């Protein structure tokens, strides 16, 4: 995720802890993992989605869908032309 897309995709009605160290402690992960996700150097994994969902009383699917939306958006930005539909039959 990029920093800008992370802020949009991961915004939720349930506020995140204001300090990454608090989030890392709550999620039982290294602060480097939180920083990499927030700074767009790592994606939200299924394991992290489970942890975020539990900590913020949300479904893990919310976090995976947010990551998937960012991935599709970034892929669409890098593809200049999509292939024509295949003829079947």
C-alpha atoms as a PDB file:
ATOM      1  CA  UNK A   1       0.000   0.000   0.000  1.00  0.00           C
ATOM      2  CA  UNK A   2       1.186   3.510  -0.626  1.00  0.00           C
ATOM      3  CA  UNK A   3       1.062   6.063   2.164  1.00  0.00           C
ATOM      4  CA  UNK A   4      -1.828   7.945   0.556  1.00  0.00           C
ATOM      5  CA  UNK A   5      -3.803   4.830  -0.288  1.00  0.00           C
ATOM      6  CA  UNK A   6      -3.152   3.381   3.153  1.00  0.00           C
ATOM      7  CA  UNK A   7      -4.711   6.389   4.806  1.00  0.00           C
ATOM      8  CA  UNK A   8      -7.824   6.075   2.637  1.00  0.00           C
ATOM      9  CA  UNK A   9      -8.115   2.298   2.520  1.00  0.00           C
ATOM     10  CA  UNK A  10      -7.443   1.716   6.178  1.00  0.00           C
ATOM     11  CA  UNK A  11      -9.599   4.529   7.512  1.00  0.00           C
ATOM     12  CA  UNK A  12     -12.416   3.139   9.575  1.00  0.00           C
ATOM     13  CA  UNK A  13     -15.069   4.196  12.065  1.00  0.00           C
ATOM     14  CA  UNK A  14     -12.924   2.581  14.785  1.00  0.00           C
ATOM     15  CA  UNK A  15      -9.833   4.716  15.407  1.00  0.00           C
ATOM     16  CA  UNK A  16      -6.393   3.133  15.331  1.00  0.00           C
ATOM     17  CA  UNK A  17      -3.973   3.832  18.181  1.00  0.00           C
ATOM     18  CA  UNK A  18      -2.208   7.117  17.469  1.00  0.00           C
ATOM     19  CA  UNK A  19       1.281   5.696  17.926  1.00  0.00           C
ATOM     20  CA  UNK A  20       2.622   2.784  15.867  1.00  0.00           C
ATOM     21  CA  UNK A  21       4.314   1.345  18.961  1.00  0.00           C
ATOM     22  CA  UNK A  22       0.915   1.041  20.678  1.00  0.00           C
ATOM     23  CA  UNK A  23      -0.560  -0.671  17.625  1.00  0.00           C
ATOM     24  CA  UNK A  24       2.411  -3.034  17.392  1.00  0.00           C
ATOM     25  CA  UNK A  25       2.089  -3.980  21.043  1.00  0.00           C
ATOM     26  CA  UNK A  26      -1.666  -4.526  20.741  1.00  0.00           C
ATOM     27  CA  UNK A  27      -1.271  -6.605  17.556  1.00  0.00           C
ATOM     28  CA  UNK A  28       1.673  -8.600  18.951  1.00  0.00           C
ATOM     29  CA  UNK A  29       3.944  -7.744  16.042  1.00  0.00           C
ATOM     30  CA  UNK A  30       7.131  -5.830  15.446  1.00  0.00           C
ATOM     31  CA  UNK A  31       6.748  -2.071  15.022  1.00  0.00           C
ATOM     32  CA  UNK A  32       8.655  -2.442  11.734  1.00  0.00           C
ATOM     33  CA  UNK A  33       5.701  -4.408  10.322  1.00  0.00           C
ATOM     34  CA  UNK A  34       3.277  -1.598  11.196  1.00  0.00           C
ATOM     35  CA  UNK A  35       5.605   1.027   9.735  1.00  0.00           C
ATOM     36  CA  UNK A  36       6.109  -0.977   6.514  1.00  0.00           C
ATOM     37  CA  UNK A  37       2.346  -1.333   6.007  1.00  0.00           C
ATOM     38  CA  UNK A  38       1.627   2.324   6.773  1.00  0.00           C
ATOM     39  CA  UNK A  39       4.485   3.536   4.554  1.00  0.00           C
ATOM     40  CA  UNK A  40       3.460   1.362   1.626  1.00  0.00           C
ATOM     41  CA  UNK A  41       6.361  -1.081   1.758  1.00  0.00           C
ATOM     42  CA  UNK A  42       4.282  -4.116   2.777  1.00  0.00           C
ATOM     43  CA  UNK A  43       0.777  -5.397   2.185  1.00  0.00           C
ATOM     44  CA  UNK A  44      -1.830  -6.397   4.733  1.00  0.00           C
ATOM     45  CA  UNK A  45      -1.567 -10.190   4.964  1.00  0.00           C
ATOM     46  CA  UNK A  46      -4.293 -12.611   6.023  1.00  0.00           C
ATOM     47  CA  UNK A  47      -2.600 -12.961   9.421  1.00  0.00           C
ATOM     48  CA  UNK A  48      -2.431  -9.191   9.899  1.00  0.00           C
ATOM     49  CA  UNK A  49      -6.047  -8.859   8.752  1.00  0.00           C
ATOM     50  CA  UNK A  50      -7.071 -11.309  11.501  1.00  0.00           C
ATOM     51  CA  UNK A  51      -5.148  -9.302  14.094  1.00  0.00           C
ATOM     52  CA  UNK A  52      -6.501  -5.942  12.907  1.00  0.00           C
ATOM     53  CA  UNK A  53     -10.024  -7.317  12.805  1.00  0.00           C
ATOM     54  CA  UNK A  54      -9.830  -8.635  16.346  1.00  0.00           C
ATOM     55  CA  UNK A  55      -8.163  -5.514  17.765  1.00  0.00           C
ATOM     56  CA  UNK A  56     -10.593  -3.105  16.080  1.00  0.00           C
ATOM     57  CA  UNK A  57     -13.754  -5.234  16.313  1.00  0.00           C
ATOM     58  CA  UNK A  58     -14.031  -5.522  12.542  1.00  0.00           C
ATOM     59  CA  UNK A  59     -13.952  -8.405  10.111  1.00  0.00           C
ATOM     60  CA  UNK A  60     -10.641  -9.550   8.648  1.00  0.00           C
ATOM     61  CA  UNK A  61     -12.337  -9.355   5.240  1.00  0.00           C
ATOM     62  CA  UNK A  62     -12.576  -5.572   5.584  1.00  0.00           C
ATOM     63  CA  UNK A  63      -8.776  -5.364   5.755  1.00  0.00           C
ATOM     64  CA  UNK A  64      -8.170  -7.895   2.984  1.00  0.00           C
ATOM     65  CA  UNK A  65     -10.709  -6.160   0.732  1.00  0.00           C
ATOM     66  CA  UNK A  66      -9.051  -2.801   1.402  1.00  0.00           C
ATOM     67  CA  UNK A  67      -5.678  -4.296   0.442  1.00  0.00           C
ATOM     68  CA  UNK A  68      -7.176  -5.920  -2.657  1.00  0.00           C
ATOM     69  CA  UNK A  69      -8.710  -2.597  -3.738  1.00  0.00           C
ATOM     70  CA  UNK A  70      -5.329  -0.882  -3.411  1.00  0.00           C
ATOM     71  CA  UNK A  71      -3.595  -3.697  -5.321  1.00  0.00           C
ATOM     72  CA  UNK A  72      -6.114  -3.511  -8.188  1.00  0.00           C
ATOM     73  CA  UNK A  73      -5.882   0.285  -8.325  1.00  0.00           C
ATOM     74  CA  UNK A  74      -2.080   0.200  -8.461  1.00  0.00           C
ATOM     75  CA  UNK A  75      -2.121  -2.539 -11.123  1.00  0.00           C
ATOM     76  CA  UNK A  76      -4.580  -0.529 -13.224  1.00  0.00           C
ATOM     77  CA  UNK A  77      -2.258   2.469 -13.053  1.00  0.00           C
ATOM     78  CA  UNK A  78       0.650   0.443 -14.393  1.00  0.00           C
ATOM     79  CA  UNK A  79      -1.207  -1.307 -17.249  1.00  0.00           C
ATOM     80  CA  UNK A  80      -1.481   0.935 -20.297  1.00  0.00           C
ATOM     81  CA  UNK A  81      -3.806  -1.275 -22.327  1.00  0.00           C
ATOM     82  CA  UNK A  82      -5.923  -4.236 -21.325  1.00  0.00           C
ATOM     83  CA  UNK A  83      -6.200  -7.185 -23.740  1.00  0.00           C
ATOM     84  CA  UNK A  84      -9.230  -7.579 -25.956  1.00  0.00           C
ATOM     85  CA  UNK A  85     -11.793 -10.162 -24.825  1.00  0.00           C
ATOM     86  CA  UNK A  86     -11.149 -13.732 -25.998  1.00  0.00           C
ATOM     87  CA  UNK A  87     -13.618 -15.349 -28.367  1.00  0.00           C
ATOM     88  CA  UNK A  88     -14.910 -18.554 -26.860  1.00  0.00           C
ATOM     89  CA  UNK A  89     -16.518 -21.260 -28.898  1.00  0.00           C
END
